[in-house]
Amino acid sequence: MKIRSGFVSNSSSSSFVLIGYQFKEKTFTDEQIEHFHEKYRVLQGEEDGVPRGKIVIGKFIADVSSDDCLESSSYSFSDIIKMAEEIKKEFNLEGEPEIFVGTRMC
């Protein structure tokens, strides 16, 4: 029997923490989005916990499905800043990255 003491949901969802940037969904073509999946996490649509008409591109700091064992991991602030700077440079962005926290469908 599996006992969880933290976040509990059905097996088709996961909790996440992501550092990245939010864009209007029509900013990129489907081909560009497919390419981004090779290097980044791309969240789009309500099933991914993203508002309608938006797309979020970034890197997961944490992604835990309800079937996963509780694991411990950590990132230094400098690691997180490096992740954000990589995204900022790749997309030639201005402004600050955001931290996104939510639940998405798997």
C-alpha atoms as a PDB file:
ATOM      1  CA  MET A   1       0.000   0.000   0.000  1.00  0.00           C
ATOM      2  CA  LYS A   2       1.275   3.457  -0.917  1.00  0.00           C
ATOM      3  CA  ILE A   3       0.867   6.274   1.602  1.00  0.00           C
ATOM      4  CA  ARG A   4       1.440   9.897   0.633  1.00  0.00           C
ATOM      5  CA  SER A   5       1.802  12.740   3.072  1.00  0.00           C
ATOM      6  CA  GLY A   6       2.039  15.574   0.535  1.00  0.00           C
ATOM      7  CA  PHE A   7       0.194  16.584  -2.611  1.00  0.00           C
ATOM      8  CA  VAL A   8      -2.312  13.903  -3.615  1.00  0.00           C
ATOM      9  CA  SER A   9      -4.216  13.658  -6.880  1.00  0.00           C
ATOM     10  CA  ASN A  10      -5.215  11.072  -9.427  1.00  0.00           C
ATOM     11  CA  SER A  11      -2.461   9.456 -11.464  1.00  0.00           C
ATOM     12  CA  SER A  12      -3.050  11.593 -14.529  1.00  0.00           C
ATOM     13  CA  SER A  13      -1.744  14.856 -13.115  1.00  0.00           C
ATOM     14  CA  SER A  14       1.483  16.305 -11.791  1.00  0.00           C
ATOM     15  CA  SER A  15       2.562  19.301  -9.767  1.00  0.00           C
ATOM     16  CA  PHE A  16       5.264  21.512 -11.199  1.00  0.00           C
ATOM     17  CA  VAL A  17       7.486  24.505 -10.570  1.00  0.00           C
ATOM     18  CA  LEU A  18       8.908  26.063 -13.722  1.00  0.00           C
ATOM     19  CA  ILE A  19      11.051  29.099 -14.447  1.00  0.00           C
ATOM     20  CA  GLY A  20      10.312  30.673 -17.789  1.00  0.00           C
ATOM     21  CA  TYR A  21       8.448  33.179 -19.851  1.00  0.00           C
ATOM     22  CA  GLN A  22       4.817  33.465 -20.896  1.00  0.00           C
ATOM     23  CA  PHE A  23       3.906  34.302 -24.483  1.00  0.00           C
ATOM     24  CA  LYS A  24       0.738  34.720 -26.512  1.00  0.00           C
ATOM     25  CA  GLU A  25      -0.030  31.339 -28.064  1.00  0.00           C
ATOM     26  CA  LYS A  26       0.097  32.693 -31.647  1.00  0.00           C
ATOM     27  CA  THR A  27       3.676  33.998 -31.154  1.00  0.00           C
ATOM     28  CA  PHE A  28       5.174  30.768 -32.535  1.00  0.00           C
ATOM     29  CA  THR A  29       4.378  28.304 -35.313  1.00  0.00           C
ATOM     30  CA  ASP A  30       3.682  24.652 -34.532  1.00  0.00           C
ATOM     31  CA  GLU A  31       7.088  23.794 -36.037  1.00  0.00           C
ATOM     32  CA  GLN A  32       8.859  26.238 -33.726  1.00  0.00           C
ATOM     33  CA  ILE A  33       7.024  24.865 -30.699  1.00  0.00           C
ATOM     34  CA  GLU A  34       7.981  21.313 -31.670  1.00  0.00           C
ATOM     35  CA  HIS A  35      11.624  22.439 -31.877  1.00  0.00           C
ATOM     36  CA  PHE A  36      11.410  24.059 -28.421  1.00  0.00           C
ATOM     37  CA  HIS A  37      10.353  20.710 -26.901  1.00  0.00           C
ATOM     38  CA  GLU A  38      13.872  19.409 -27.627  1.00  0.00           C
ATOM     39  CA  LYS A  39      15.436  21.846 -25.160  1.00  0.00           C
ATOM     40  CA  TYR A  40      12.695  23.324 -22.974  1.00  0.00           C
ATOM     41  CA  ARG A  41       9.396  22.490 -21.360  1.00  0.00           C
ATOM     42  CA  VAL A  42       6.493  23.927 -23.288  1.00  0.00           C
ATOM     43  CA  LEU A  43       3.180  24.267 -21.506  1.00  0.00           C
ATOM     44  CA  GLN A  44       0.082  25.317 -23.365  1.00  0.00           C
ATOM     45  CA  GLY A  45      -3.598  24.992 -22.729  1.00  0.00           C
ATOM     46  CA  GLU A  46      -5.659  24.497 -19.643  1.00  0.00           C
ATOM     47  CA  GLU A  47      -4.615  20.820 -19.338  1.00  0.00           C
ATOM     48  CA  ASP A  48      -1.085  22.101 -18.670  1.00  0.00           C
ATOM     49  CA  GLY A  49      -2.301  24.676 -16.153  1.00  0.00           C
ATOM     50  CA  VAL A  50      -1.774  27.615 -18.533  1.00  0.00           C
ATOM     51  CA  PRO A  51      -4.435  30.264 -19.202  1.00  0.00           C
ATOM     52  CA  ARG A  52      -6.263  30.006 -22.523  1.00  0.00           C
ATOM     53  CA  GLY A  53      -4.405  31.725 -25.350  1.00  0.00           C
ATOM     54  CA  LYS A  54      -1.029  31.580 -23.574  1.00  0.00           C
ATOM     55  CA  ILE A  55       2.080  29.431 -23.879  1.00  0.00           C
ATOM     56  CA  VAL A  56       4.832  29.072 -21.285  1.00  0.00           C
ATOM     57  CA  ILE A  57       8.373  28.099 -22.267  1.00  0.00           C
ATOM     58  CA  GLY A  58      10.911  27.330 -19.590  1.00  0.00           C
ATOM     59  CA  LYS A  59      12.647  24.712 -17.493  1.00  0.00           C
ATOM     60  CA  PHE A  60      11.172  22.652 -14.699  1.00  0.00           C
ATOM     61  CA  ILE A  61      12.639  23.192 -11.280  1.00  0.00           C
ATOM     62  CA  ALA A  62      10.296  20.464  -9.995  1.00  0.00           C
ATOM     63  CA  ASP A  63       7.819  18.116 -11.686  1.00  0.00           C
ATOM     64  CA  VAL A  64       6.245  15.445  -9.527  1.00  0.00           C
ATOM     65  CA  SER A  65       3.481  13.147 -10.703  1.00  0.00           C
ATOM     66  CA  SER A  66       1.233  11.525  -8.170  1.00  0.00           C
ATOM     67  CA  ASP A  67       2.813   8.143  -9.030  1.00  0.00           C
ATOM     68  CA  ASP A  68       6.358   9.302  -8.259  1.00  0.00           C
ATOM     69  CA  CYS A  69       8.038   8.626  -4.973  1.00  0.00           C
ATOM     70  CA  LEU A  70       8.842  11.718  -3.005  1.00  0.00           C
ATOM     71  CA  GLU A  71      12.293  12.763  -4.097  1.00  0.00           C
ATOM     72  CA  SER A  72      14.472  15.547  -2.873  1.00  0.00           C
ATOM     73  CA  SER A  73      16.292  17.862  -5.231  1.00  0.00           C
ATOM     74  CA  SER A  74      17.669  21.336  -4.966  1.00  0.00           C
ATOM     75  CA  TYR A  75      18.969  24.128  -7.168  1.00  0.00           C
ATOM     76  CA  SER A  76      21.034  27.075  -6.074  1.00  0.00           C
ATOM     77  CA  PHE A  77      19.779  30.529  -6.958  1.00  0.00           C
ATOM     78  CA  SER A  78      22.696  30.843  -9.373  1.00  0.00           C
ATOM     79  CA  ASP A  79      21.570  27.601 -11.119  1.00  0.00           C
ATOM     80  CA  ILE A  80      18.071  29.007 -11.517  1.00  0.00           C
ATOM     81  CA  ILE A  81      19.420  32.338 -12.774  1.00  0.00           C
ATOM     82  CA  LYS A  82      21.532  30.457 -15.359  1.00  0.00           C
ATOM     83  CA  MET A  83      18.415  28.589 -16.539  1.00  0.00           C
ATOM     84  CA  ALA A  84      16.553  31.874 -16.932  1.00  0.00           C
ATOM     85  CA  GLU A  85      19.454  33.576 -18.713  1.00  0.00           C
ATOM     86  CA  GLU A  86      19.690  30.707 -21.219  1.00  0.00           C
ATOM     87  CA  ILE A  87      16.010  31.095 -22.114  1.00  0.00           C
ATOM     88  CA  LYS A  88      16.284  34.881 -22.244  1.00  0.00           C
ATOM     89  CA  LYS A  89      19.255  34.682 -24.622  1.00  0.00           C
ATOM     90  CA  GLU A  90      17.692  31.982 -26.833  1.00  0.00           C
ATOM     91  CA  PHE A  91      14.538  34.026 -27.384  1.00  0.00           C
ATOM     92  CA  ASN A  92      16.224  37.451 -27.324  1.00  0.00           C
ATOM     93  CA  LEU A  93      13.926  38.599 -24.526  1.00  0.00           C
ATOM     94  CA  GLU A  94      13.745  41.634 -22.323  1.00  0.00           C
ATOM     95  CA  GLY A  95      12.251  41.563 -18.868  1.00  0.00           C
ATOM     96  CA  GLU A  96      12.315  39.175 -15.976  1.00  0.00           C
ATOM     97  CA  PRO A  97      11.464  35.469 -16.002  1.00  0.00           C
ATOM     98  CA  GLU A  98       8.552  34.217 -13.943  1.00  0.00           C
ATOM     99  CA  ILE A  99       8.143  31.262 -11.616  1.00  0.00           C
ATOM    100  CA  PHE A 100       5.088  29.193 -12.577  1.00  0.00           C
ATOM    101  CA  VAL A 101       3.558  26.780 -10.078  1.00  0.00           C
ATOM    102  CA  GLY A 102       0.630  24.542 -10.855  1.00  0.00           C
ATOM    103  CA  THR A 103      -0.854  21.210 -11.728  1.00  0.00           C
ATOM    104  CA  ARG A 104      -0.955  19.807 -15.235  1.00  0.00           C
ATOM    105  CA  MET A 105      -2.355  16.733 -16.913  1.00  0.00           C
ATOM    106  CA  CYS A 106       0.110  13.978 -17.824  1.00  0.00           C
END
